[in-house]
Amino acid sequence: HKGIGCYTNGTTEVTVTDQNDYVNKVRFYRPTYVDVHVHLKIKK
């Protein structure tokens, strides 16, 4: 689905062989989870 000649960027690399037996290296990211610390003080 990407554009022709468009480089795929990422830290996860997978080798995909297309219908013409051409080997393609496809890269993408898995998300990094960042804990969110929330401090809330409420007024009654």
PDB file of all heavy atoms in Angstrom:
ATOM      1  N   HIS A   1       0.797  -1.227   0.000  1.00  0.00           N
ATOM      2  CA  HIS A   1       0.000   0.000   0.000  1.00  0.00           C
ATOM      3  C   HIS A   1       0.832   1.283   0.000  1.00  0.00           C
ATOM      4  O   HIS A   1       0.294   2.356  -0.279  1.00  0.00           O
ATOM      5  CB  HIS A   1      -0.954   0.026   1.201  1.00  0.00           C
ATOM      6  CG  HIS A   1      -2.069  -0.971   1.101  1.00  0.00           C
ATOM      7  ND1 HIS A   1      -1.923  -2.288   1.486  1.00  0.00           N
ATOM      8  CD2 HIS A   1      -3.347  -0.861   0.651  1.00  0.00           C
ATOM      9  CE1 HIS A   1      -3.058  -2.935   1.284  1.00  0.00           C
ATOM     10  NE2 HIS A   1      -3.934  -2.095   0.782  1.00  0.00           N
ATOM     11  N   LYS A   2       2.107   1.176   0.298  1.00  0.00           N
ATOM     12  CA  LYS A   2       2.946   2.377   0.296  1.00  0.00           C
ATOM     13  C   LYS A   2       3.214   2.826  -1.141  1.00  0.00           C
ATOM     14  O   LYS A   2       2.939   2.106  -2.105  1.00  0.00           O
ATOM     15  CB  LYS A   2       4.265   2.090   1.010  1.00  0.00           C
ATOM     16  CG  LYS A   2       5.233   1.203   0.213  1.00  0.00           C
ATOM     17  CD  LYS A   2       6.524   1.019   0.932  1.00  0.00           C
ATOM     18  CE  LYS A   2       7.506   0.180   0.092  1.00  0.00           C
ATOM     19  NZ  LYS A   2       7.950   0.900  -1.122  1.00  0.00           N
ATOM     20  N   GLY A   3       3.761   4.015  -1.281  1.00  0.00           N
ATOM     21  CA  GLY A   3       4.095   4.515  -2.603  1.00  0.00           C
ATOM     22  C   GLY A   3       5.295   3.799  -3.207  1.00  0.00           C
ATOM     23  O   GLY A   3       6.162   3.273  -2.500  1.00  0.00           O
ATOM     24  N   ILE A   4       5.366   3.780  -4.516  1.00  0.00           N
ATOM     25  CA  ILE A   4       6.472   3.133  -5.219  1.00  0.00           C
ATOM     26  C   ILE A   4       7.768   3.881  -4.925  1.00  0.00           C
ATOM     27  O   ILE A   4       7.824   5.110  -4.996  1.00  0.00           O
ATOM     28  CB  ILE A   4       6.204   3.115  -6.740  1.00  0.00           C
ATOM     29  CG1 ILE A   4       4.949   2.285  -7.031  1.00  0.00           C
ATOM     30  CG2 ILE A   4       7.406   2.558  -7.494  1.00  0.00           C
ATOM     31  CD1 ILE A   4       4.536   2.328  -8.476  1.00  0.00           C
ATOM     32  N   GLY A   5       8.811   3.140  -4.589  1.00  0.00           N
ATOM     33  CA  GLY A   5      10.109   3.741  -4.319  1.00  0.00           C
ATOM     34  C   GLY A   5      10.192   4.465  -2.993  1.00  0.00           C
ATOM     35  O   GLY A   5      11.166   5.170  -2.734  1.00  0.00           O
ATOM     36  N   CYS A   6       9.192   4.270  -2.140  1.00  0.00           N
ATOM     37  CA  CYS A   6       9.157   4.956  -0.846  1.00  0.00           C
ATOM     38  C   CYS A   6       9.863   4.107   0.203  1.00  0.00           C
ATOM     39  O   CYS A   6       9.545   2.925   0.379  1.00  0.00           O
ATOM     40  CB  CYS A   6       7.707   5.200  -0.444  1.00  0.00           C
ATOM     41  SG  CYS A   6       7.510   6.259   0.985  1.00  0.00           S
ATOM     42  N   TYR A   7      10.828   4.680   0.886  1.00  0.00           N
ATOM     43  CA  TYR A   7      11.589   3.963   1.906  1.00  0.00           C
ATOM     44  C   TYR A   7      10.726   3.753   3.144  1.00  0.00           C
ATOM     45  O   TYR A   7       9.986   4.648   3.563  1.00  0.00           O
ATOM     46  CB  TYR A   7      12.840   4.766   2.273  1.00  0.00           C
ATOM     47  CG  TYR A   7      13.671   4.175   3.393  1.00  0.00           C
ATOM     48  CD1 TYR A   7      14.533   3.108   3.144  1.00  0.00           C
ATOM     49  CD2 TYR A   7      13.578   4.683   4.683  1.00  0.00           C
ATOM     50  CE1 TYR A   7      15.291   2.565   4.171  1.00  0.00           C
ATOM     51  CE2 TYR A   7      14.331   4.146   5.718  1.00  0.00           C
ATOM     52  CZ  TYR A   7      15.186   3.084   5.459  1.00  0.00           C
ATOM     53  OH  TYR A   7      15.931   2.542   6.472  1.00  0.00           O
ATOM     54  N   THR A   8      10.791   2.548   3.702  1.00  0.00           N
ATOM     55  CA  THR A   8      10.052   2.265   4.934  1.00  0.00           C
ATOM     56  C   THR A   8      10.985   2.444   6.125  1.00  0.00           C
ATOM     57  O   THR A   8      12.077   1.889   6.157  1.00  0.00           O
ATOM     58  CB  THR A   8       9.476   0.839   4.924  1.00  0.00           C
ATOM     59  OG1 THR A   8      10.527  -0.110   4.714  1.00  0.00           O
ATOM     60  CG2 THR A   8       8.434   0.692   3.820  1.00  0.00           C
ATOM     61  N   ASN A   9      10.530   3.194   7.104  1.00  0.00           N
ATOM     62  CA  ASN A   9      11.366   3.569   8.244  1.00  0.00           C
ATOM     63  C   ASN A   9      10.862   2.894   9.514  1.00  0.00           C
ATOM     64  O   ASN A   9       9.651   2.824   9.750  1.00  0.00           O
ATOM     65  CB  ASN A   9      11.337   5.090   8.415  1.00  0.00           C
ATOM     66  CG  ASN A   9      12.109   5.556   9.630  1.00  0.00           C
ATOM     67  OD1 ASN A   9      13.222   5.091   9.889  1.00  0.00           O
ATOM     68  ND2 ASN A   9      11.520   6.466  10.387  1.00  0.00           N
ATOM     69  N   GLY A  10      11.790   2.396  10.338  1.00  0.00           N
ATOM     70  CA  GLY A  10      11.403   1.796  11.605  1.00  0.00           C
ATOM     71  C   GLY A  10      12.491   0.904  12.160  1.00  0.00           C
ATOM     72  O   GLY A  10      13.515   0.655  11.509  1.00  0.00           O
ATOM     73  N   THR A  11      12.271   0.415  13.364  1.00  0.00           N
ATOM     74  CA  THR A  11      13.264  -0.434  14.037  1.00  0.00           C
ATOM     75  C   THR A  11      12.947  -1.918  13.926  1.00  0.00           C
ATOM     76  O   THR A  11      13.789  -2.759  14.211  1.00  0.00           O
ATOM     77  CB  THR A  11      13.352  -0.053  15.523  1.00  0.00           C
ATOM     78  OG1 THR A  11      12.041  -0.098  16.109  1.00  0.00           O
ATOM     79  CG2 THR A  11      13.909   1.357  15.689  1.00  0.00           C
ATOM     80  N   THR A  12      11.723  -2.261  13.535  1.00  0.00           N
ATOM     81  CA  THR A  12      11.358  -3.660  13.288  1.00  0.00           C
ATOM     82  C   THR A  12      11.466  -3.916  11.796  1.00  0.00           C
ATOM     83  O   THR A  12      10.818  -3.236  10.999  1.00  0.00           O
ATOM     84  CB  THR A  12       9.926  -3.954  13.768  1.00  0.00           C
ATOM     85  OG1 THR A  12       9.838  -3.732  15.181  1.00  0.00           O
ATOM     86  CG2 THR A  12       9.532  -5.395  13.470  1.00  0.00           C
ATOM     87  N   GLU A  13      12.274  -4.887  11.417  1.00  0.00           N
ATOM     88  CA  GLU A  13      12.505  -5.172   9.995  1.00  0.00           C
ATOM     89  C   GLU A  13      12.029  -6.580   9.671  1.00  0.00           C
ATOM     90  O   GLU A  13      12.377  -7.544  10.355  1.00  0.00           O
ATOM     91  CB  GLU A  13      13.981  -5.018   9.639  1.00  0.00           C
ATOM     92  CG  GLU A  13      14.280  -5.232   8.156  1.00  0.00           C
ATOM     93  CD  GLU A  13      15.742  -4.975   7.811  1.00  0.00           C
ATOM     94  OE1 GLU A  13      16.119  -3.792   7.721  1.00  0.00           O
ATOM     95  OE2 GLU A  13      16.497  -5.959   7.634  1.00  0.00           O
ATOM     96  N   VAL A  14      11.236  -6.696   8.614  1.00  0.00           N
ATOM     97  CA  VAL A  14      10.689  -7.981   8.179  1.00  0.00           C
ATOM     98  C   VAL A  14      10.969  -8.153   6.693  1.00  0.00           C
ATOM     99  O   VAL A  14      10.813  -7.209   5.908  1.00  0.00           O
ATOM    100  CB  VAL A  14       9.169  -8.060   8.433  1.00  0.00           C
ATOM    101  CG1 VAL A  14       8.607  -9.386   7.934  1.00  0.00           C
ATOM    102  CG2 VAL A  14       8.864  -7.877   9.913  1.00  0.00           C
ATOM    103  N   THR A  15      11.382  -9.341   6.308  1.00  0.00           N
ATOM    104  CA  THR A  15      11.635  -9.638   4.895  1.00  0.00           C
ATOM    105  C   THR A  15      10.374 -10.223   4.268  1.00  0.00           C
ATOM    106  O   THR A  15       9.815 -11.199   4.771  1.00  0.00           O
ATOM    107  CB  THR A  15      12.789 -10.646   4.743  1.00  0.00           C
ATOM    108  OG1 THR A  15      13.976 -10.073   5.309  1.00  0.00           O
ATOM    109  CG2 THR A  15      13.038 -10.971   3.274  1.00  0.00           C
ATOM    110  N   VAL A  16       9.913  -9.600   3.192  1.00  0.00           N
ATOM    111  CA  VAL A  16       8.696 -10.033   2.507  1.00  0.00           C
ATOM    112  C   VAL A  16       9.043 -10.372   1.059  1.00  0.00           C
ATOM    113  O   VAL A  16       9.627  -9.554   0.350  1.00  0.00           O
ATOM    114  CB  VAL A  16       7.613  -8.939   2.532  1.00  0.00           C
ATOM    115  CG1 VAL A  16       6.366  -9.410   1.792  1.00  0.00           C
ATOM    116  CG2 VAL A  16       7.265  -8.558   3.964  1.00  0.00           C
ATOM    117  N   THR A  17       8.685 -11.563   0.628  1.00  0.00           N
ATOM    118  CA  THR A  17       8.879 -11.973  -0.766  1.00  0.00           C
ATOM    119  C   THR A  17       7.571 -11.765  -1.506  1.00  0.00           C
ATOM    120  O   THR A  17       6.547 -12.357  -1.152  1.00  0.00           O
ATOM    121  CB  THR A  17       9.307 -13.444  -0.860  1.00  0.00           C
ATOM    122  OG1 THR A  17      10.514 -13.637  -0.093  1.00  0.00           O
ATOM    123  CG2 THR A  17       9.556 -13.849  -2.303  1.00  0.00           C
ATOM    124  N   ASP A  18       7.584 -10.905  -2.533  1.00  0.00           N
ATOM    125  CA  ASP A  18       6.342 -10.595  -3.241  1.00  0.00           C
ATOM    126  C   ASP A  18       6.022 -11.666  -4.287  1.00  0.00           C
ATOM    127  O   ASP A  18       6.718 -12.680  -4.417  1.00  0.00           O
ATOM    128  CB  ASP A  18       6.408  -9.207  -3.865  1.00  0.00           C
ATOM    129  CG  ASP A  18       7.521  -9.071  -4.903  1.00  0.00           C
ATOM    130  OD1 ASP A  18       7.956 -10.096  -5.461  1.00  0.00           O
ATOM    131  OD2 ASP A  18       7.955  -7.928  -5.158  1.00  0.00           O
ATOM    132  N   GLN A  19       4.943 -11.437  -5.045  1.00  0.00           N
ATOM    133  CA  GLN A  19       4.482 -12.421  -6.017  1.00  0.00           C
ATOM    134  C   GLN A  19       5.455 -12.642  -7.161  1.00  0.00           C
ATOM    135  O   GLN A  19       5.353 -13.641  -7.893  1.00  0.00           O
ATOM    136  CB  GLN A  19       3.108 -12.018  -6.571  1.00  0.00           C
ATOM    137  CG  GLN A  19       3.087 -10.676  -7.284  1.00  0.00           C
ATOM    138  CD  GLN A  19       2.709  -9.550  -6.344  1.00  0.00           C
ATOM    139  OE1 GLN A  19       3.079  -9.574  -5.167  1.00  0.00           O
ATOM    140  NE2 GLN A  19       1.967  -8.575  -6.854  1.00  0.00           N
ATOM    141  N   ASN A  20       6.416 -11.733  -7.312  1.00  0.00           N
ATOM    142  CA  ASN A  20       7.444 -11.885  -8.345  1.00  0.00           C
ATOM    143  C   ASN A  20       8.748 -12.446  -7.784  1.00  0.00           C
ATOM    144  O   ASN A  20       9.780 -12.374  -8.443  1.00  0.00           O
ATOM    145  CB  ASN A  20       7.703 -10.525  -9.014  1.00  0.00           C
ATOM    146  CG  ASN A  20       6.476  -9.993  -9.721  1.00  0.00           C
ATOM    147  OD1 ASN A  20       5.768 -10.736 -10.406  1.00  0.00           O
ATOM    148  ND2 ASN A  20       6.205  -8.703  -9.553  1.00  0.00           N
ATOM    149  N   ASP A  21       8.667 -12.987  -6.560  1.00  0.00           N
ATOM    150  CA  ASP A  21       9.825 -13.569  -5.869  1.00  0.00           C
ATOM    151  C   ASP A  21      10.914 -12.542  -5.582  1.00  0.00           C
ATOM    152  O   ASP A  21      12.084 -12.907  -5.401  1.00  0.00           O
ATOM    153  CB  ASP A  21      10.422 -14.741  -6.682  1.00  0.00           C
ATOM    154  CG  ASP A  21       9.474 -15.927  -6.742  1.00  0.00           C
ATOM    155  OD1 ASP A  21       8.723 -16.136  -5.772  1.00  0.00           O
ATOM    156  OD2 ASP A  21       9.487 -16.640  -7.757  1.00  0.00           O
ATOM    157  N   TYR A  22      10.532 -11.277  -5.533  1.00  0.00           N
ATOM    158  CA  TYR A  22      11.497 -10.239  -5.179  1.00  0.00           C
ATOM    159  C   TYR A  22      11.477 -10.057  -3.665  1.00  0.00           C
ATOM    160  O   TYR A  22      10.422  -9.940  -3.053  1.00  0.00           O
ATOM    161  CB  TYR A  22      11.152  -8.919  -5.874  1.00  0.00           C
ATOM    162  CG  TYR A  22      12.171  -7.833  -5.637  1.00  0.00           C
ATOM    163  CD1 TYR A  22      13.356  -7.789  -6.357  1.00  0.00           C
ATOM    164  CD2 TYR A  22      11.940  -6.854  -4.664  1.00  0.00           C
ATOM    165  CE1 TYR A  22      14.299  -6.800  -6.135  1.00  0.00           C
ATOM    166  CE2 TYR A  22      12.875  -5.858  -4.427  1.00  0.00           C
ATOM    167  CZ  TYR A  22      14.055  -5.840  -5.164  1.00  0.00           C
ATOM    168  OH  TYR A  22      14.993  -4.857  -4.934  1.00  0.00           O
ATOM    169  N   VAL A  23      12.652 -10.066  -3.072  1.00  0.00           N
ATOM    170  CA  VAL A  23      12.765  -9.953  -1.622  1.00  0.00           C
ATOM    171  C   VAL A  23      12.798  -8.482  -1.215  1.00  0.00           C
ATOM    172  O   VAL A  23      13.646  -7.715  -1.703  1.00  0.00           O
ATOM    173  CB  VAL A  23      14.022 -10.677  -1.109  1.00  0.00           C
ATOM    174  CG1 VAL A  23      14.148 -10.505   0.402  1.00  0.00           C
ATOM    175  CG2 VAL A  23      13.961 -12.166  -1.465  1.00  0.00           C
ATOM    176  N   ASN A  24      11.874  -8.089  -0.343  1.00  0.00           N
ATOM    177  CA  ASN A  24      11.768  -6.703   0.114  1.00  0.00           C
ATOM    178  C   ASN A  24      11.985  -6.638   1.624  1.00  0.00           C
ATOM    179  O   ASN A  24      11.475  -7.478   2.374  1.00  0.00           O
ATOM    180  CB  ASN A  24      10.379  -6.135  -0.199  1.00  0.00           C
ATOM    181  CG  ASN A  24      10.024  -6.224  -1.665  1.00  0.00           C
ATOM    182  OD1 ASN A  24      10.261  -5.313  -2.435  1.00  0.00           O
ATOM    183  ND2 ASN A  24       9.427  -7.356  -2.070  1.00  0.00           N
ATOM    184  N   LYS A  25      12.728  -5.651   2.051  1.00  0.00           N
ATOM    185  CA  LYS A  25      12.881  -5.391   3.477  1.00  0.00           C
ATOM    186  C   LYS A  25      11.934  -4.266   3.875  1.00  0.00           C
ATOM    187  O   LYS A  25      12.034  -3.158   3.357  1.00  0.00           O
ATOM    188  CB  LYS A  25      14.330  -5.017   3.803  1.00  0.00           C
ATOM    189  CG  LYS A  25      15.306  -6.182   3.666  1.00  0.00           C
ATOM    190  CD  LYS A  25      16.711  -5.780   4.102  1.00  0.00           C
ATOM    191  CE  LYS A  25      17.659  -6.966   4.022  1.00  0.00           C
ATOM    192  NZ  LYS A  25      19.045  -6.608   4.439  1.00  0.00           N
ATOM    193  N   VAL A  26      11.036  -4.597   4.771  1.00  0.00           N
ATOM    194  CA  VAL A  26      10.029  -3.626   5.214  1.00  0.00           C
ATOM    195  C   VAL A  26      10.276  -3.314   6.687  1.00  0.00           C
ATOM    196  O   VAL A  26      10.398  -4.221   7.512  1.00  0.00           O
ATOM    197  CB  VAL A  26       8.602  -4.173   5.027  1.00  0.00           C
ATOM    198  CG1 VAL A  26       7.571  -3.145   5.497  1.00  0.00           C
ATOM    199  CG2 VAL A  26       8.362  -4.544   3.571  1.00  0.00           C
ATOM    200  N   ARG A  27      10.333  -2.027   6.976  1.00  0.00           N
ATOM    201  CA  ARG A  27      10.609  -1.589   8.352  1.00  0.00           C
ATOM    202  C   ARG A  27       9.413  -0.797   8.898  1.00  0.00           C
ATOM    203  O   ARG A  27       8.754  -0.066   8.152  1.00  0.00           O
ATOM    204  CB  ARG A  27      11.873  -0.723   8.389  1.00  0.00           C
ATOM    205  CG  ARG A  27      13.165  -1.488   8.118  1.00  0.00           C
ATOM    206  CD  ARG A  27      14.266  -0.574   7.608  1.00  0.00           C
ATOM    207  NE  ARG A  27      13.965  -0.091   6.269  1.00  0.00           N
ATOM    208  CZ  ARG A  27      14.314  -0.739   5.142  1.00  0.00           C
ATOM    209  NH1 ARG A  27      14.970  -1.877   5.232  1.00  0.00           N
ATOM    210  NH2 ARG A  27      14.007  -0.247   3.958  1.00  0.00           N
ATOM    211  N   PHE A  28       9.173  -0.972  10.192  1.00  0.00           N
ATOM    212  CA  PHE A  28       8.126  -0.208  10.876  1.00  0.00           C
ATOM    213  C   PHE A  28       8.451  -0.170  12.364  1.00  0.00           C
ATOM    214  O   PHE A  28       9.375  -0.851  12.834  1.00  0.00           O
ATOM    215  CB  PHE A  28       6.734  -0.812  10.636  1.00  0.00           C
ATOM    216  CG  PHE A  28       6.595  -2.250  11.055  1.00  0.00           C
ATOM    217  CD1 PHE A  28       6.154  -2.589  12.321  1.00  0.00           C
ATOM    218  CD2 PHE A  28       6.900  -3.282  10.169  1.00  0.00           C
ATOM    219  CE1 PHE A  28       6.027  -3.910  12.713  1.00  0.00           C
ATOM    220  CE2 PHE A  28       6.777  -4.616  10.542  1.00  0.00           C
ATOM    221  CZ  PHE A  28       6.342  -4.929  11.822  1.00  0.00           C
ATOM    222  N   TYR A  29       7.693   0.606  13.105  1.00  0.00           N
ATOM    223  CA  TYR A  29       7.898   0.732  14.550  1.00  0.00           C
ATOM    224  C   TYR A  29       6.798   0.010  15.308  1.00  0.00           C
ATOM    225  O   TYR A  29       5.640  -0.041  14.868  1.00  0.00           O
ATOM    226  CB  TYR A  29       7.862   2.202  14.988  1.00  0.00           C
ATOM    227  CG  TYR A  29       9.104   3.000  14.704  1.00  0.00           C
ATOM    228  CD1 TYR A  29       9.168   3.840  13.591  1.00  0.00           C
ATOM    229  CD2 TYR A  29      10.212   2.948  15.549  1.00  0.00           C
ATOM    230  CE1 TYR A  29      10.298   4.598  13.328  1.00  0.00           C
ATOM    231  CE2 TYR A  29      11.342   3.705  15.296  1.00  0.00           C
ATOM    232  CZ  TYR A  29      11.390   4.528  14.186  1.00  0.00           C
ATOM    233  OH  TYR A  29      12.503   5.271  13.924  1.00  0.00           O
ATOM    234  N   ARG A  30       7.178  -0.547  16.444  1.00  0.00           N
ATOM    235  CA  ARG A  30       6.215  -0.911  17.469  1.00  0.00           C
ATOM    236  C   ARG A  30       6.230   0.228  18.487  1.00  0.00           C
ATOM    237  O   ARG A  30       7.294   0.777  18.787  1.00  0.00           O
ATOM    238  CB  ARG A  30       6.608  -2.229  18.152  1.00  0.00           C
ATOM    239  CG  ARG A  30       6.489  -3.454  17.244  1.00  0.00           C
ATOM    240  CD  ARG A  30       5.080  -3.659  16.758  1.00  0.00           C
ATOM    241  NE  ARG A  30       4.896  -4.966  16.118  1.00  0.00           N
ATOM    242  CZ  ARG A  30       3.769  -5.373  15.589  1.00  0.00           C
ATOM    243  NH1 ARG A  30       2.698  -4.564  15.596  1.00  0.00           N
ATOM    244  NH2 ARG A  30       3.670  -6.556  15.018  1.00  0.00           N
ATOM    245  N   PRO A  31       5.073   0.628  19.003  1.00  0.00           N
ATOM    246  CA  PRO A  31       5.052   1.794  19.891  1.00  0.00           C
ATOM    247  C   PRO A  31       5.785   1.549  21.207  1.00  0.00           C
ATOM    248  O   PRO A  31       5.784   0.437  21.740  1.00  0.00           O
ATOM    249  CB  PRO A  31       3.555   2.028  20.140  1.00  0.00           C
ATOM    250  CG  PRO A  31       2.928   0.694  19.914  1.00  0.00           C
ATOM    251  CD  PRO A  31       3.724   0.037  18.836  1.00  0.00           C
ATOM    252  N   THR A  32       6.402   2.596  21.699  1.00  0.00           N
ATOM    253  CA  THR A  32       7.021   2.576  23.021  1.00  0.00           C
ATOM    254  C   THR A  32       5.998   3.101  24.024  1.00  0.00           C
ATOM    255  O   THR A  32       5.416   4.172  23.831  1.00  0.00           O
ATOM    256  CB  THR A  32       8.280   3.459  23.050  1.00  0.00           C
ATOM    257  OG1 THR A  32       9.224   2.955  22.099  1.00  0.00           O
ATOM    258  CG2 THR A  32       8.914   3.461  24.436  1.00  0.00           C
ATOM    259  N   TYR A  33       5.769   2.347  25.078  1.00  0.00           N
ATOM    260  CA  TYR A  33       4.764   2.728  26.074  1.00  0.00           C
ATOM    261  C   TYR A  33       5.382   3.646  27.126  1.00  0.00           C
ATOM    262  O   TYR A  33       6.428   3.339  27.698  1.00  0.00           O
ATOM    263  CB  TYR A  33       4.167   1.492  26.735  1.00  0.00           C
ATOM    264  CG  TYR A  33       3.416   0.609  25.759  1.00  0.00           C
ATOM    265  CD1 TYR A  33       4.051  -0.453  25.132  1.00  0.00           C
ATOM    266  CD2 TYR A  33       2.087   0.863  25.446  1.00  0.00           C
ATOM    267  CE1 TYR A  33       3.385  -1.254  24.219  1.00  0.00           C
ATOM    268  CE2 TYR A  33       1.404   0.076  24.538  1.00  0.00           C
ATOM    269  CZ  TYR A  33       2.057  -0.984  23.933  1.00  0.00           C
ATOM    270  OH  TYR A  33       1.383  -1.769  23.019  1.00  0.00           O
ATOM    271  N   VAL A  34       4.742   4.774  27.332  1.00  0.00           N
ATOM    272  CA  VAL A  34       5.231   5.767  28.286  1.00  0.00           C
ATOM    273  C   VAL A  34       4.210   5.922  29.399  1.00  0.00           C
ATOM    274  O   VAL A  34       3.061   6.333  29.160  1.00  0.00           O
ATOM    275  CB  VAL A  34       5.456   7.128  27.591  1.00  0.00           C
ATOM    276  CG1 VAL A  34       5.950   8.155  28.607  1.00  0.00           C
ATOM    277  CG2 VAL A  34       6.434   6.990  26.445  1.00  0.00           C
ATOM    278  N   ASP A  35       4.597   5.550  30.614  1.00  0.00           N
ATOM    279  CA  ASP A  35       3.694   5.721  31.753  1.00  0.00           C
ATOM    280  C   ASP A  35       3.381   7.204  31.965  1.00  0.00           C
ATOM    281  O   ASP A  35       4.279   8.052  31.885  1.00  0.00           O
ATOM    282  CB  ASP A  35       4.314   5.150  33.026  1.00  0.00           C
ATOM    283  CG  ASP A  35       4.222   3.634  33.084  1.00  0.00           C
ATOM    284  OD1 ASP A  35       3.464   3.063  32.285  1.00  0.00           O
ATOM    285  OD2 ASP A  35       4.914   3.029  33.918  1.00  0.00           O
ATOM    286  N   VAL A  36       2.119   7.486  32.216  1.00  0.00           N
ATOM    287  CA  VAL A  36       1.692   8.860  32.481  1.00  0.00           C
ATOM    288  C   VAL A  36       1.400   9.000  33.971  1.00  0.00           C
ATOM    289  O   VAL A  36       0.522   8.326  34.506  1.00  0.00           O
ATOM    290  CB  VAL A  36       0.441   9.224  31.666  1.00  0.00           C
ATOM    291  CG1 VAL A  36       0.020  10.665  31.954  1.00  0.00           C
ATOM    292  CG2 VAL A  36       0.686   9.024  30.179  1.00  0.00           C
ATOM    293  N   HIS A  37       2.172   9.854  34.627  1.00  0.00           N
ATOM    294  CA  HIS A  37       1.962  10.114  36.050  1.00  0.00           C
ATOM    295  C   HIS A  37       1.060  11.344  36.185  1.00  0.00           C
ATOM    296  O   HIS A  37       1.345  12.398  35.607  1.00  0.00           O
ATOM    297  CB  HIS A  37       3.293  10.352  36.750  1.00  0.00           C
ATOM    298  CG  HIS A  37       4.146   9.115  36.835  1.00  0.00           C
ATOM    299  ND1 HIS A  37       4.316   8.392  37.996  1.00  0.00           N
ATOM    300  CD2 HIS A  37       4.870   8.468  35.878  1.00  0.00           C
ATOM    301  CE1 HIS A  37       5.099   7.363  37.765  1.00  0.00           C
ATOM    302  NE2 HIS A  37       5.455   7.386  36.490  1.00  0.00           N
ATOM    303  N   VAL A  38      -0.005  11.175  36.922  1.00  0.00           N
ATOM    304  CA  VAL A  38      -0.979  12.260  37.114  1.00  0.00           C
ATOM    305  C   VAL A  38      -1.127  12.526  38.603  1.00  0.00           C
ATOM    306  O   VAL A  38      -1.356  11.601  39.393  1.00  0.00           O
ATOM    307  CB  VAL A  38      -2.353  11.890  36.517  1.00  0.00           C
ATOM    308  CG1 VAL A  38      -3.340  13.043  36.732  1.00  0.00           C
ATOM    309  CG2 VAL A  38      -2.233  11.549  35.038  1.00  0.00           C
ATOM    310  N   HIS A  39      -0.961  13.783  38.967  1.00  0.00           N
ATOM    311  CA  HIS A  39      -1.203  14.199  40.358  1.00  0.00           C
ATOM    312  C   HIS A  39      -2.353  15.200  40.344  1.00  0.00           C
ATOM    313  O   HIS A  39      -2.266  16.264  39.732  1.00  0.00           O
ATOM    314  CB  HIS A  39       0.044  14.845  40.974  1.00  0.00           C
ATOM    315  CG  HIS A  39      -0.179  15.369  42.352  1.00  0.00           C
ATOM    316  ND1 HIS A  39      -0.117  14.582  43.472  1.00  0.00           N
ATOM    317  CD2 HIS A  39      -0.499  16.611  42.797  1.00  0.00           C
ATOM    318  CE1 HIS A  39      -0.382  15.305  44.541  1.00  0.00           C
ATOM    319  NE2 HIS A  39      -0.613  16.538  44.162  1.00  0.00           N
ATOM    320  N   LEU A  40      -3.427  14.834  40.997  1.00  0.00           N
ATOM    321  CA  LEU A  40      -4.625  15.674  41.021  1.00  0.00           C
ATOM    322  C   LEU A  40      -5.034  15.965  42.455  1.00  0.00           C
ATOM    323  O   LEU A  40      -5.150  15.056  43.273  1.00  0.00           O
ATOM    324  CB  LEU A  40      -5.778  14.978  40.295  1.00  0.00           C
ATOM    325  CG  LEU A  40      -7.162  15.621  40.423  1.00  0.00           C
ATOM    326  CD1 LEU A  40      -7.196  16.983  39.740  1.00  0.00           C
ATOM    327  CD2 LEU A  40      -8.236  14.701  39.848  1.00  0.00           C
ATOM    328  N   LYS A  41      -5.234  17.243  42.734  1.00  0.00           N
ATOM    329  CA  LYS A  41      -5.766  17.649  44.025  1.00  0.00           C
ATOM    330  C   LYS A  41      -7.107  18.320  43.784  1.00  0.00           C
ATOM    331  O   LYS A  41      -7.213  19.267  42.999  1.00  0.00           O
ATOM    332  CB  LYS A  41      -4.816  18.623  44.732  1.00  0.00           C
ATOM    333  CG  LYS A  41      -5.239  18.957  46.157  1.00  0.00           C
ATOM    334  CD  LYS A  41      -4.194  19.805  46.863  1.00  0.00           C
ATOM    335  CE  LYS A  41      -4.605  20.085  48.315  1.00  0.00           C
ATOM    336  NZ  LYS A  41      -3.586  20.907  49.028  1.00  0.00           N
ATOM    337  N   ILE A  42      -8.142  17.790  44.418  1.00  0.00           N
ATOM    338  CA  ILE A  42      -9.478  18.325  44.192  1.00  0.00           C
ATOM    339  C   ILE A  42      -9.957  19.111  45.403  1.00  0.00           C
ATOM    340  O   ILE A  42      -9.499  18.905  46.527  1.00  0.00           O
ATOM    341  CB  ILE A  42     -10.486  17.202  43.862  1.00  0.00           C
ATOM    342  CG1 ILE A  42     -10.550  16.180  44.993  1.00  0.00           C
ATOM    343  CG2 ILE A  42     -10.125  16.520  42.565  1.00  0.00           C
ATOM    344  CD1 ILE A  42     -11.555  15.074  44.755  1.00  0.00           C
ATOM    345  N   LYS A  43     -10.902  20.017  45.138  1.00  0.00           N
ATOM    346  CA  LYS A  43     -11.495  20.838  46.188  1.00  0.00           C
ATOM    347  C   LYS A  43     -12.942  20.404  46.381  1.00  0.00           C
ATOM    348  O   LYS A  43     -13.723  20.377  45.425  1.00  0.00           O
ATOM    349  CB  LYS A  43     -11.432  22.314  45.795  1.00  0.00           C
ATOM    350  CG  LYS A  43     -11.945  23.258  46.873  1.00  0.00           C
ATOM    351  CD  LYS A  43     -11.783  24.711  46.450  1.00  0.00           C
ATOM    352  CE  LYS A  43     -12.274  25.654  47.533  1.00  0.00           C
ATOM    353  NZ  LYS A  43     -12.116  27.083  47.131  1.00  0.00           N
ATOM    354  N   LYS A  44     -13.291  20.051  47.598  1.00  0.00           N
ATOM    355  CA  LYS A  44     -14.634  19.545  47.880  1.00  0.00           C
ATOM    356  C   LYS A  44     -15.651  20.682  47.990  1.00  0.00           C
ATOM    357  O   LYS A  44     -15.373  21.718  48.568  1.00  0.00           O
ATOM    358  CB  LYS A  44     -14.629  18.741  49.186  1.00  0.00           C
ATOM    359  CG  LYS A  44     -13.775  17.486  49.150  1.00  0.00           C
ATOM    360  CD  LYS A  44     -13.994  16.627  50.389  1.00  0.00           C
ATOM    361  CE  LYS A  44     -13.526  17.316  51.643  1.00  0.00           C
ATOM    362  NZ  LYS A  44     -13.651  16.424  52.836  1.00  0.00           N
TER     363      LYS A  44
END
